[in-house]
Amino acid sequence: MYETSPTNPMAEAFESQRGRLLAVAHRMLGSHADAEDAVQEAWLRLARQDTAAIGNLAGWLTTVVGRISLDVLRSRQARPEAPYDHRLPELVVTLDDGPAPEDDAVLADSVGLALLVVLDSLGPNERLAFVLHDLFAVPFDEIGGILGKSTAAAKMLASRARKKVRATERPTGADRDRREVVQAFLAAARRGDFQELLRVLDPDVRMTIDTPAGTVVTLGATKIAAGAQLAAGAAARGHAAFVNGLPGAISWHEDGTPLSVLAFTVREGRITGITAVVDPAKLALMDLPAPGAGRS
């Protein structure tokens, strides 16, 4: 944590900015732990500065946190296998029992986290431009300075990111359609209905399974429908759920311990992506609902 003193004006100024900096870093990195680390590093850099030379402390700190976050994102891109583990506790899984009004707050939190899933599809530069400008109103000239690009280039990156985010937004009525596709997949898996699985799977669907031995990726509807017993078996005992606000499923062993969490990407009536977490150690880190936790 930060070694700040309430009698230190610089520490007081930093503390007044800390909440906003954490919000920026969390949107950039998708991890509370990484956000804390980024803000801690910003404090250490500030402590080494002549603060009299900083005209706009809020802008200076935002720039520093942005650059630190950008470095982390680029490091993840170079080592894509590295950043998954510590982010798992931030997945929000809620059972899908046809939400009643009292569930609105829970689902709203999940939908907020769903933005992090969308942001993960952006490149580091796009993510920084979108997050800083669209979510925190940082001017494009400052964003360009962080990226080492022109103001026009920063605008273009944010525009490109905005289009990608909008393409994955859930329009009115689409939630019900996507949930129906996932429910059809679960039902087909329970029946072992190969043809129905092919109907709801996109031909180029990608399935990623996080196992104790590492990540396993399977491509193609035929291969997944025919050989993905792990996902199909999990789905066969699964209960429809929301995973970070997106359609998914959770299943349990007979003793009530979690067996798997599945998340689905659905576009134009077909499943284009399946992510399965089956590693018991990682499932244990997640705050998952118990069997029978849904409404009767």
Protein backbone atom coordinates (compact mmCIF):
# COMPACT_ATOMS: atom_id res chain seq x y z
CA MET A 1 0.00 0.00 0.00
CA TYR A 2 0.97 3.63 -0.26
CA GLU A 3 3.24 5.10 2.37
CA THR A 4 1.49 8.43 2.56
CA SER A 5 1.16 10.82 5.45
CA PRO A 6 -1.93 12.95 6.09
CA THR A 7 0.37 15.89 6.93
CA ASN A 8 2.18 15.63 3.60
CA PRO A 9 0.51 17.94 1.04
CA MET A 10 1.74 15.82 -1.87
CA ALA A 11 0.29 12.69 -0.22
CA GLU A 12 -2.99 14.47 0.40
CA ALA A 13 -3.15 15.55 -3.23
CA PHE A 14 -2.40 12.03 -4.38
CA GLU A 15 -5.02 10.51 -2.09
CA SER A 16 -7.60 12.89 -3.51
CA GLN A 17 -6.89 11.40 -6.95
CA ARG A 18 -6.47 7.77 -5.94
CA GLY A 19 -10.08 6.65 -6.50
CA ARG A 20 -10.16 8.01 -10.03
CA LEU A 21 -6.72 6.57 -10.81
CA LEU A 22 -7.83 3.14 -9.61
CA ALA A 23 -10.90 3.39 -11.84
CA VAL A 24 -8.75 4.28 -14.84
CA ALA A 25 -6.28 1.47 -14.17
CA HIS A 26 -9.03 -1.09 -13.56
CA ARG A 27 -10.77 -0.28 -16.84
CA MET A 28 -7.42 -0.51 -18.58
CA LEU A 29 -6.25 -3.74 -16.96
CA GLY A 30 -9.41 -5.57 -15.89
CA SER A 31 -7.85 -6.54 -12.57
CA HIS A 32 -8.13 -4.87 -9.19
CA ALA A 33 -4.74 -6.27 -8.19
CA ASP A 34 -3.04 -4.92 -11.30
CA ALA A 35 -4.82 -1.59 -10.87
CA GLU A 36 -3.52 -1.29 -7.31
CA ASP A 37 -0.01 -2.08 -8.54
CA ALA A 38 -0.24 0.55 -11.28
CA VAL A 39 -1.43 3.24 -8.88
CA GLN A 40 1.25 2.26 -6.36
CA GLU A 41 3.87 2.67 -9.08
CA ALA A 42 2.40 6.07 -9.96
CA TRP A 43 2.79 7.13 -6.31
CA LEU A 44 6.42 5.99 -6.28
CA ARG A 45 7.11 7.98 -9.45
CA LEU A 46 5.37 11.03 -8.01
CA ALA A 47 7.46 10.78 -4.85
CA ARG A 48 10.60 11.08 -6.99
CA GLN A 49 9.35 14.19 -8.78
CA ASP A 50 9.72 17.88 -8.08
CA THR A 51 6.00 18.48 -7.66
CA ALA A 52 6.48 22.23 -8.02
CA ALA A 53 7.19 21.57 -11.69
CA ILE A 54 3.87 19.71 -12.18
CA GLY A 55 1.25 22.18 -13.31
CA ASN A 56 -1.67 19.76 -13.50
CA LEU A 57 -1.30 16.96 -10.99
CA ALA A 58 -4.48 15.13 -12.04
CA GLY A 59 -3.38 15.14 -15.68
CA TRP A 60 0.17 14.13 -14.80
CA LEU A 61 -1.02 11.19 -12.70
CA THR A 62 -3.50 10.06 -15.37
CA THR A 63 -0.70 10.12 -17.94
CA VAL A 64 1.59 8.09 -15.69
CA VAL A 65 -1.09 5.51 -14.87
CA GLY A 66 -1.97 5.31 -18.56
CA ARG A 67 1.64 4.63 -19.53
CA ILE A 68 2.09 2.03 -16.79
CA SER A 69 -1.14 0.30 -17.84
CA LEU A 70 -0.10 0.39 -21.48
CA ASP A 71 3.18 -1.33 -20.60
CA VAL A 72 1.27 -4.05 -18.73
CA LEU A 73 -1.12 -4.59 -21.64
CA ARG A 74 1.73 -4.84 -24.12
CA SER A 75 3.50 -7.30 -21.84
CA ARG A 76 0.35 -9.42 -21.71
CA GLN A 77 0.10 -9.35 -25.49
CA ALA A 78 3.68 -10.64 -25.72
CA ARG A 79 2.91 -13.36 -23.14
CA PRO A 80 -0.81 -14.15 -23.64
CA GLU A 81 -0.70 -17.12 -21.30
CA ALA A 82 0.37 -15.05 -18.32
CA PRO A 83 -2.42 -12.74 -17.16
CA TYR A 84 -5.39 -15.09 -16.72
CA ASP A 85 -5.03 -16.57 -13.24
CA HIS A 86 -5.21 -13.51 -11.04
CA ARG A 87 -8.19 -12.10 -12.94
CA LEU A 88 -10.50 -15.03 -12.23
CA PRO A 89 -11.82 -13.78 -8.88
CA GLU A 90 -13.31 -10.82 -10.74
CA LEU A 91 -15.64 -12.94 -12.83
CA VAL A 92 -19.24 -12.51 -11.68
CA VAL A 93 -21.41 -15.60 -12.17
CA THR A 94 -25.13 -15.40 -11.43
CA LEU A 95 -27.74 -18.07 -12.18
CA ASP A 96 -30.12 -17.30 -15.02
CA ASP A 97 -33.60 -18.16 -13.79
CA GLY A 98 -35.48 -15.65 -15.91
CA PRO A 99 -34.54 -12.58 -13.87
CA ALA A 100 -37.13 -11.03 -11.64
CA PRO A 101 -37.07 -7.27 -10.89
CA GLU A 102 -35.18 -7.80 -7.64
CA ASP A 103 -32.26 -9.16 -9.69
CA ASP A 104 -31.78 -5.94 -11.65
CA ALA A 105 -28.98 -4.58 -9.45
CA VAL A 106 -27.04 -7.85 -9.61
CA LEU A 107 -27.36 -8.03 -13.38
CA ALA A 108 -26.41 -4.36 -13.74
CA ASP A 109 -23.14 -5.09 -11.92
CA SER A 110 -22.54 -8.03 -14.22
CA VAL A 111 -23.20 -5.95 -17.31
CA GLY A 112 -20.67 -3.38 -16.06
CA LEU A 113 -18.07 -6.10 -15.82
CA ALA A 114 -19.09 -7.34 -19.26
CA LEU A 115 -17.44 -4.21 -20.65
CA LEU A 116 -14.12 -5.59 -19.43
CA VAL A 117 -14.71 -8.69 -21.56
CA VAL A 118 -15.31 -6.46 -24.58
CA LEU A 119 -12.25 -4.33 -23.80
CA ASP A 120 -10.10 -7.47 -23.80
CA SER A 121 -10.78 -7.76 -27.53
CA LEU A 122 -9.07 -4.42 -28.17
CA GLY A 123 -5.39 -3.89 -28.82
CA PRO A 124 -3.45 -2.01 -26.10
CA ASN A 125 -3.42 1.30 -28.01
CA GLU A 126 -7.12 1.06 -28.87
CA ARG A 127 -8.01 0.19 -25.31
CA LEU A 128 -6.08 3.11 -23.86
CA ALA A 129 -7.55 5.60 -26.35
CA PHE A 130 -11.11 4.37 -25.76
CA VAL A 131 -10.88 4.10 -21.98
CA LEU A 132 -9.17 7.44 -21.40
CA HIS A 133 -11.29 9.44 -23.84
CA ASP A 134 -14.72 7.81 -23.79
CA LEU A 135 -14.81 6.78 -20.14
CA PHE A 136 -12.67 9.46 -18.48
CA ALA A 137 -12.79 12.40 -20.93
CA VAL A 138 -9.02 12.73 -21.34
CA PRO A 139 -8.28 15.00 -24.35
CA PHE A 140 -6.91 13.32 -27.46
CA ASP A 141 -3.74 15.42 -27.47
CA GLU A 142 -2.83 14.00 -24.05
CA ILE A 143 -3.69 10.48 -25.19
CA GLY A 144 -1.50 10.97 -28.25
CA GLY A 145 1.33 12.01 -25.96
CA ILE A 146 1.01 8.81 -23.93
CA LEU A 147 0.98 6.69 -27.07
CA GLY A 148 3.70 8.65 -28.86
CA LYS A 149 1.24 9.38 -31.67
CA SER A 150 -0.47 12.41 -33.15
CA THR A 151 -3.80 13.71 -31.91
CA ALA A 152 -5.41 12.55 -35.15
CA ALA A 153 -4.00 9.04 -34.70
CA ALA A 154 -5.34 8.92 -31.14
CA LYS A 155 -8.79 9.93 -32.41
CA MET A 156 -8.65 7.19 -35.04
CA LEU A 157 -7.70 4.56 -32.45
CA ALA A 158 -10.59 5.59 -30.19
CA SER A 159 -13.01 5.57 -33.13
CA ARG A 160 -11.91 2.10 -34.16
CA ALA A 161 -12.25 0.84 -30.59
CA ARG A 162 -15.68 2.47 -30.27
CA LYS A 163 -16.93 0.60 -33.34
CA LYS A 164 -15.70 -2.71 -31.90
CA VAL A 165 -17.37 -2.03 -28.56
CA ARG A 166 -20.65 -1.07 -30.23
CA ALA A 167 -20.52 -4.19 -32.38
CA THR A 168 -20.57 -6.32 -29.23
CA GLU A 169 -23.13 -4.29 -27.29
CA ARG A 170 -26.31 -6.11 -26.39
CA PRO A 171 -29.22 -4.34 -28.16
CA THR A 172 -32.77 -4.53 -26.85
CA GLY A 173 -34.21 -8.01 -27.36
CA ALA A 174 -30.85 -9.57 -28.20
CA ASP A 175 -30.31 -10.89 -24.66
CA ARG A 176 -33.34 -13.15 -24.94
CA ASP A 177 -32.21 -14.44 -28.34
CA ARG A 178 -28.69 -15.17 -27.11
CA ARG A 179 -29.96 -16.92 -24.02
CA GLU A 180 -32.20 -19.09 -26.20
CA VAL A 181 -29.21 -20.10 -28.33
CA VAL A 182 -27.23 -21.06 -25.22
CA GLN A 183 -30.20 -22.98 -23.81
CA ALA A 184 -30.50 -24.84 -27.12
CA PHE A 185 -26.81 -25.76 -26.87
CA LEU A 186 -27.24 -27.01 -23.30
CA ALA A 187 -30.29 -29.05 -24.27
CA ALA A 188 -28.51 -30.57 -27.28
CA ALA A 189 -25.51 -31.46 -25.10
CA ARG A 190 -27.78 -33.19 -22.59
CA ARG A 191 -29.38 -35.24 -25.38
CA GLY A 192 -26.13 -35.83 -27.24
CA ASP A 193 -27.81 -34.37 -30.32
CA PHE A 194 -24.92 -33.91 -32.76
CA GLN A 195 -27.01 -32.28 -35.51
CA GLU A 196 -28.55 -29.75 -33.13
CA LEU A 197 -25.10 -28.86 -31.80
CA LEU A 198 -23.99 -28.19 -35.36
CA ARG A 199 -27.05 -26.00 -35.90
CA VAL A 200 -26.28 -23.67 -32.98
CA LEU A 201 -22.48 -23.64 -33.43
CA ASP A 202 -20.89 -21.29 -35.94
CA PRO A 203 -18.73 -23.28 -38.41
CA ASP A 204 -15.65 -21.35 -37.24
CA VAL A 205 -16.47 -21.48 -33.51
CA ARG A 206 -13.48 -21.38 -31.15
CA MET A 207 -13.51 -23.20 -27.81
CA THR A 208 -10.92 -22.41 -25.15
CA ILE A 209 -10.75 -24.71 -22.12
CA ASP A 210 -8.73 -23.66 -19.08
CA THR A 211 -7.57 -26.95 -17.51
CA PRO A 212 -5.11 -27.81 -14.71
CA ALA A 213 -2.60 -28.77 -17.42
CA GLY A 214 -2.97 -25.51 -19.32
CA THR A 215 -5.16 -23.99 -22.01
CA VAL A 216 -6.63 -26.20 -24.74
CA VAL A 217 -8.06 -24.60 -27.88
CA THR A 218 -10.38 -26.37 -30.34
CA LEU A 219 -11.53 -24.83 -33.62
CA GLY A 220 -14.54 -25.67 -35.77
CA ALA A 221 -18.12 -26.76 -35.11
CA THR A 222 -17.71 -30.35 -36.29
CA LYS A 223 -14.66 -30.98 -34.13
CA ILE A 224 -16.22 -29.34 -31.10
CA ALA A 225 -19.56 -31.13 -31.48
CA ALA A 226 -17.89 -34.51 -32.06
CA GLY A 227 -14.93 -34.35 -29.71
CA ALA A 228 -15.58 -31.76 -27.04
CA GLN A 229 -16.84 -34.24 -24.47
CA LEU A 230 -15.44 -32.11 -21.69
CA ALA A 231 -17.55 -29.09 -22.58
CA ALA A 232 -20.55 -31.17 -23.59
CA GLY A 233 -20.37 -33.21 -20.40
CA ALA A 234 -20.16 -30.07 -18.32
CA ALA A 235 -23.06 -28.54 -20.21
CA ALA A 236 -25.13 -31.67 -19.75
CA ARG A 237 -25.20 -31.00 -16.01
CA GLY A 238 -25.13 -27.24 -16.42
CA HIS A 239 -27.45 -24.49 -15.28
CA ALA A 240 -27.87 -21.38 -17.40
CA ALA A 241 -26.00 -18.44 -15.92
CA PHE A 242 -24.61 -15.01 -16.63
CA VAL A 243 -20.82 -14.75 -16.69
CA ASN A 244 -19.89 -11.08 -16.41
CA GLY A 245 -23.30 -10.29 -17.81
CA LEU A 246 -22.90 -12.57 -20.84
CA PRO A 247 -24.80 -15.84 -21.42
CA GLY A 248 -23.12 -18.87 -19.89
CA ALA A 249 -23.57 -21.93 -17.72
CA ILE A 250 -22.29 -23.37 -14.46
CA SER A 251 -22.21 -27.03 -13.46
CA TRP A 252 -21.36 -28.88 -10.27
CA HIS A 253 -20.05 -32.26 -9.19
CA GLU A 254 -22.45 -34.51 -7.26
CA ASP A 255 -20.90 -33.31 -3.98
CA GLY A 256 -21.78 -29.71 -4.85
CA THR A 257 -18.29 -28.52 -5.73
CA PRO A 258 -18.05 -26.57 -9.01
CA LEU A 259 -17.25 -28.60 -12.12
CA SER A 260 -17.10 -25.89 -14.74
CA VAL A 261 -18.02 -22.38 -15.78
CA LEU A 262 -18.87 -21.83 -19.45
CA ALA A 263 -19.18 -18.47 -21.20
CA PHE A 264 -20.59 -18.13 -24.71
CA THR A 265 -20.20 -15.54 -27.42
CA VAL A 266 -23.29 -15.50 -29.64
CA ARG A 267 -23.56 -13.60 -32.91
CA GLU A 268 -26.37 -13.76 -35.45
CA GLY A 269 -28.02 -16.72 -33.76
CA ARG A 270 -24.96 -18.94 -33.50
CA ILE A 271 -22.28 -19.58 -30.91
CA THR A 272 -18.96 -18.21 -32.16
CA GLY A 273 -16.92 -18.70 -28.99
CA ILE A 274 -16.95 -20.89 -25.89
CA THR A 275 -14.70 -20.33 -22.90
CA ALA A 276 -14.65 -23.09 -20.28
CA VAL A 277 -12.94 -22.95 -16.91
CA VAL A 278 -12.55 -26.45 -15.45
CA ASP A 279 -9.38 -26.07 -13.39
CA PRO A 280 -10.51 -26.81 -9.79
CA ALA A 281 -7.92 -24.44 -8.33
CA LYS A 282 -9.19 -21.56 -10.43
CA LEU A 283 -12.83 -22.41 -9.84
CA ALA A 284 -12.13 -22.37 -6.10
CA LEU A 285 -11.01 -18.74 -6.40
CA MET A 286 -14.32 -17.70 -7.89
CA ASP A 287 -17.33 -16.68 -5.84
CA LEU A 288 -19.72 -19.13 -7.48
CA PRO A 289 -23.37 -19.80 -6.60
CA ALA A 290 -24.11 -23.14 -4.98
CA PRO A 291 -26.38 -25.79 -6.56
CA GLY A 292 -29.99 -24.84 -5.99
CA ALA A 293 -29.09 -21.22 -5.30
CA GLY A 294 -31.51 -20.02 -7.97
CA ARG A 295 -35.17 -19.28 -7.33
CA SER A 296 -37.55 -22.20 -7.25
